[in-house]
Amino acid sequence: MGKLFFCALLFMNLFIACNRVASQQDPLYRKISSQEAYKMMSENKNFILLDVRTIAEYREIRIPGAILIPDYELTGRSEKELPYKDQTIFVYCRSGNRSAASARTLVDMGYTNIYDIGGITSWHYNTESD
């Protein structure tokens, strides 16, 4: 009887855990176009524009006002450089792959207002370089 009860309890816990994981939504970041991002940035100046490319890419071309934290340094630097977890953060890279991964990383770290704006290749507004 004891083994049967233990097995039933174990099965029930696994079933509940699997259903909970399956029913959870994807991380809470939003993928938006550069046009949507530009409009939002124009209407509200309280945001961070985060470039997650390499320093060489950043120096070559960037969106004015962007701060650089390369994707491979994000987990080590974000707590200090992005201290407010509810701050609006727009994330971009070159083509959109690193920005999506970085947006997921930020959400996993507890950030709650993340927008993935994709790559600078689709940014049709002002840019700057060194």
C-alpha atoms as a PDB file:
ATOM      1  CA  MET A   1       0.000   0.000   0.000  1.00  0.00           C
ATOM      2  CA  GLY A   2       2.823   2.419   0.855  1.00  0.00           C
ATOM      3  CA  LYS A   3       4.554   1.957  -2.515  1.00  0.00           C
ATOM      4  CA  LEU A   4       1.297   2.372  -4.397  1.00  0.00           C
ATOM      5  CA  PHE A   5       0.504   5.592  -2.518  1.00  0.00           C
ATOM      6  CA  PHE A   6       4.028   6.932  -3.130  1.00  0.00           C
ATOM      7  CA  CYS A   7       3.819   6.126  -6.875  1.00  0.00           C
ATOM      8  CA  ALA A   8       0.395   7.779  -7.156  1.00  0.00           C
ATOM      9  CA  LEU A   9       1.667  10.862  -5.346  1.00  0.00           C
ATOM     10  CA  LEU A  10       4.759  11.019  -7.553  1.00  0.00           C
ATOM     11  CA  PHE A  11       2.661  10.656 -10.718  1.00  0.00           C
ATOM     12  CA  MET A  12       0.258  13.360  -9.554  1.00  0.00           C
ATOM     13  CA  ASN A  13       3.120  15.795  -8.832  1.00  0.00           C
ATOM     14  CA  LEU A  14       4.719  15.126 -12.219  1.00  0.00           C
ATOM     15  CA  PHE A  15       1.376  15.620 -13.966  1.00  0.00           C
ATOM     16  CA  ILE A  16       0.774  18.933 -12.191  1.00  0.00           C
ATOM     17  CA  ALA A  17       4.330  20.139 -12.905  1.00  0.00           C
ATOM     18  CA  CYS A  18       4.101  19.246 -16.596  1.00  0.00           C
ATOM     19  CA  ASN A  19       0.747  20.976 -16.966  1.00  0.00           C
ATOM     20  CA  ARG A  20       2.035  24.074 -15.206  1.00  0.00           C
ATOM     21  CA  VAL A  21       5.059  24.291 -17.547  1.00  0.00           C
ATOM     22  CA  ALA A  22       2.944  23.624 -20.619  1.00  0.00           C
ATOM     23  CA  SER A  23       0.420  26.289 -19.685  1.00  0.00           C
ATOM     24  CA  GLN A  24       2.920  29.039 -18.902  1.00  0.00           C
ATOM     25  CA  GLN A  25       3.242  31.694 -21.566  1.00  0.00           C
ATOM     26  CA  ASP A  26       6.454  32.599 -23.320  1.00  0.00           C
ATOM     27  CA  PRO A  27       8.710  35.168 -21.643  1.00  0.00           C
ATOM     28  CA  LEU A  28       7.155  38.590 -21.434  1.00  0.00           C
ATOM     29  CA  TYR A  29       9.047  40.670 -23.936  1.00  0.00           C
ATOM     30  CA  ARG A  30       7.521  42.185 -27.016  1.00  0.00           C
ATOM     31  CA  LYS A  31       8.898  42.108 -30.557  1.00  0.00           C
ATOM     32  CA  ILE A  32       8.089  45.415 -32.248  1.00  0.00           C
ATOM     33  CA  SER A  33       9.063  47.101 -35.496  1.00  0.00           C
ATOM     34  CA  SER A  34      11.517  49.972 -35.727  1.00  0.00           C
ATOM     35  CA  GLN A  35       8.582  52.219 -36.638  1.00  0.00           C
ATOM     36  CA  GLU A  36       6.731  51.269 -33.438  1.00  0.00           C
ATOM     37  CA  ALA A  37       9.898  51.736 -31.395  1.00  0.00           C
ATOM     38  CA  TYR A  38      10.616  55.140 -32.922  1.00  0.00           C
ATOM     39  CA  LYS A  39       7.079  56.309 -32.165  1.00  0.00           C
ATOM     40  CA  MET A  40       7.269  55.048 -28.560  1.00  0.00           C
ATOM     41  CA  MET A  41      10.673  56.694 -28.066  1.00  0.00           C
ATOM     42  CA  SER A  42       9.335  59.972 -29.435  1.00  0.00           C
ATOM     43  CA  GLU A  43       6.393  59.943 -27.024  1.00  0.00           C
ATOM     44  CA  ASN A  44       8.287  58.930 -23.879  1.00  0.00           C
ATOM     45  CA  LYS A  45      11.895  59.813 -23.081  1.00  0.00           C
ATOM     46  CA  ASN A  46      12.121  57.530 -20.041  1.00  0.00           C
ATOM     47  CA  PHE A  47      13.711  54.459 -21.641  1.00  0.00           C
ATOM     48  CA  ILE A  48      17.009  52.719 -22.232  1.00  0.00           C
ATOM     49  CA  LEU A  49      18.149  51.857 -25.726  1.00  0.00           C
ATOM     50  CA  LEU A  50      20.382  48.796 -25.436  1.00  0.00           C
ATOM     51  CA  ASP A  51      22.789  47.710 -28.172  1.00  0.00           C
ATOM     52  CA  VAL A  52      23.897  44.099 -27.628  1.00  0.00           C
ATOM     53  CA  ARG A  53      26.427  43.905 -30.493  1.00  0.00           C
ATOM     54  CA  THR A  54      30.219  43.981 -30.238  1.00  0.00           C
ATOM     55  CA  ILE A  55      32.155  47.160 -29.528  1.00  0.00           C
ATOM     56  CA  ALA A  56      33.442  47.201 -33.134  1.00  0.00           C
ATOM     57  CA  GLU A  57      29.881  47.038 -34.493  1.00  0.00           C
ATOM     58  CA  TYR A  58      28.800  49.750 -32.044  1.00  0.00           C
ATOM     59  CA  ARG A  59      31.602  52.074 -33.153  1.00  0.00           C
ATOM     60  CA  GLU A  60      30.800  51.493 -36.818  1.00  0.00           C
ATOM     61  CA  ILE A  61      27.126  52.473 -36.553  1.00  0.00           C
ATOM     62  CA  ARG A  62      24.628  52.849 -33.731  1.00  0.00           C
ATOM     63  CA  ILE A  63      21.348  54.482 -32.822  1.00  0.00           C
ATOM     64  CA  PRO A  64      21.993  57.777 -30.993  1.00  0.00           C
ATOM     65  CA  GLY A  65      21.675  57.433 -27.233  1.00  0.00           C
ATOM     66  CA  ALA A  66      22.239  53.674 -27.188  1.00  0.00           C
ATOM     67  CA  ILE A  67      24.295  52.090 -24.464  1.00  0.00           C
ATOM     68  CA  LEU A  68      26.453  49.098 -25.294  1.00  0.00           C
ATOM     69  CA  ILE A  69      26.348  45.868 -23.356  1.00  0.00           C
ATOM     70  CA  PRO A  70      27.388  43.040 -25.685  1.00  0.00           C
ATOM     71  CA  ASP A  71      25.112  40.002 -25.464  1.00  0.00           C
ATOM     72  CA  TYR A  72      27.931  37.870 -24.050  1.00  0.00           C
ATOM     73  CA  GLU A  73      28.377  40.357 -21.150  1.00  0.00           C
ATOM     74  CA  LEU A  74      24.702  40.935 -20.415  1.00  0.00           C
ATOM     75  CA  THR A  75      24.288  38.653 -17.399  1.00  0.00           C
ATOM     76  CA  GLY A  76      27.426  40.031 -15.749  1.00  0.00           C
ATOM     77  CA  ARG A  77      26.767  43.731 -16.322  1.00  0.00           C
ATOM     78  CA  SER A  78      23.005  44.228 -16.348  1.00  0.00           C
ATOM     79  CA  GLU A  79      22.425  44.274 -12.580  1.00  0.00           C
ATOM     80  CA  LYS A  80      24.799  47.244 -12.228  1.00  0.00           C
ATOM     81  CA  GLU A  81      24.103  49.079 -15.480  1.00  0.00           C
ATOM     82  CA  LEU A  82      20.363  48.365 -15.711  1.00  0.00           C
ATOM     83  CA  PRO A  83      19.352  48.597 -12.050  1.00  0.00           C
ATOM     84  CA  TYR A  84      15.623  49.251 -12.515  1.00  0.00           C
ATOM     85  CA  LYS A  85      13.894  46.065 -13.551  1.00  0.00           C
ATOM     86  CA  ASP A  86      10.680  47.868 -14.550  1.00  0.00           C
ATOM     87  CA  GLN A  87      12.507  50.375 -16.808  1.00  0.00           C
ATOM     88  CA  THR A  88      11.464  50.360 -20.468  1.00  0.00           C
ATOM     89  CA  ILE A  89      14.344  48.813 -22.422  1.00  0.00           C
ATOM     90  CA  PHE A  90      14.538  48.656 -26.213  1.00  0.00           C
ATOM     91  CA  VAL A  91      17.039  45.999 -27.331  1.00  0.00           C
ATOM     92  CA  TYR A  92      18.671  45.832 -30.752  1.00  0.00           C
ATOM     93  CA  CYS A  93      21.558  44.139 -32.540  1.00  0.00           C
ATOM     94  CA  ARG A  94      22.551  43.822 -36.217  1.00  0.00           C
ATOM     95  CA  SER A  95      19.838  41.566 -37.628  1.00  0.00           C
ATOM     96  CA  GLY A  96      17.582  40.570 -34.728  1.00  0.00           C
ATOM     97  CA  ASN A  97      18.982  37.255 -33.487  1.00  0.00           C
ATOM     98  CA  ARG A  98      21.056  38.570 -30.588  1.00  0.00           C
ATOM     99  CA  SER A  99      18.376  41.084 -29.604  1.00  0.00           C
ATOM    100  CA  ALA A 100      15.774  38.304 -29.276  1.00  0.00           C
ATOM    101  CA  ALA A 101      18.115  36.133 -27.196  1.00  0.00           C
ATOM    102  CA  SER A 102      19.102  39.132 -25.052  1.00  0.00           C
ATOM    103  CA  ALA A 103      15.461  40.125 -24.524  1.00  0.00           C
ATOM    104  CA  ARG A 104      14.746  36.585 -23.277  1.00  0.00           C
ATOM    105  CA  THR A 105      17.785  36.749 -20.991  1.00  0.00           C
ATOM    106  CA  LEU A 106      16.628  40.051 -19.494  1.00  0.00           C
ATOM    107  CA  VAL A 107      13.131  38.678 -18.883  1.00  0.00           C
ATOM    108  CA  ASP A 108      14.624  35.580 -17.259  1.00  0.00           C
ATOM    109  CA  MET A 109      16.594  37.930 -14.990  1.00  0.00           C
ATOM    110  CA  GLY A 110      13.377  39.633 -13.864  1.00  0.00           C
ATOM    111  CA  TYR A 111      13.136  42.644 -16.187  1.00  0.00           C
ATOM    112  CA  THR A 112       9.517  43.383 -16.997  1.00  0.00           C
ATOM    113  CA  ASN A 113       9.329  46.019 -19.741  1.00  0.00           C
ATOM    114  CA  ILE A 114      11.486  44.726 -22.593  1.00  0.00           C
ATOM    115  CA  TYR A 115      11.019  45.471 -26.294  1.00  0.00           C
ATOM    116  CA  ASP A 116      12.998  43.650 -28.968  1.00  0.00           C
ATOM    117  CA  ILE A 117      13.293  46.038 -31.903  1.00  0.00           C
ATOM    118  CA  GLY A 118      15.388  43.668 -34.006  1.00  0.00           C
ATOM    119  CA  GLY A 119      18.366  44.772 -36.019  1.00  0.00           C
ATOM    120  CA  ILE A 120      19.899  48.102 -36.863  1.00  0.00           C
ATOM    121  CA  THR A 121      19.675  46.979 -40.488  1.00  0.00           C
ATOM    122  CA  SER A 122      15.944  47.729 -40.318  1.00  0.00           C
ATOM    123  CA  TRP A 123      16.350  51.059 -38.472  1.00  0.00           C
ATOM    124  CA  HIS A 124      15.442  53.822 -40.943  1.00  0.00           C
ATOM    125  CA  TYR A 125      16.099  56.784 -38.668  1.00  0.00           C
ATOM    126  CA  ASN A 126      19.150  58.676 -37.420  1.00  0.00           C
ATOM    127  CA  THR A 127      22.351  56.775 -36.710  1.00  0.00           C
ATOM    128  CA  GLU A 128      25.825  57.810 -35.656  1.00  0.00           C
ATOM    129  CA  SER A 129      29.340  56.386 -35.688  1.00  0.00           C
ATOM    130  CA  ASP A 130      32.817  57.089 -34.344  1.00  0.00           C
END
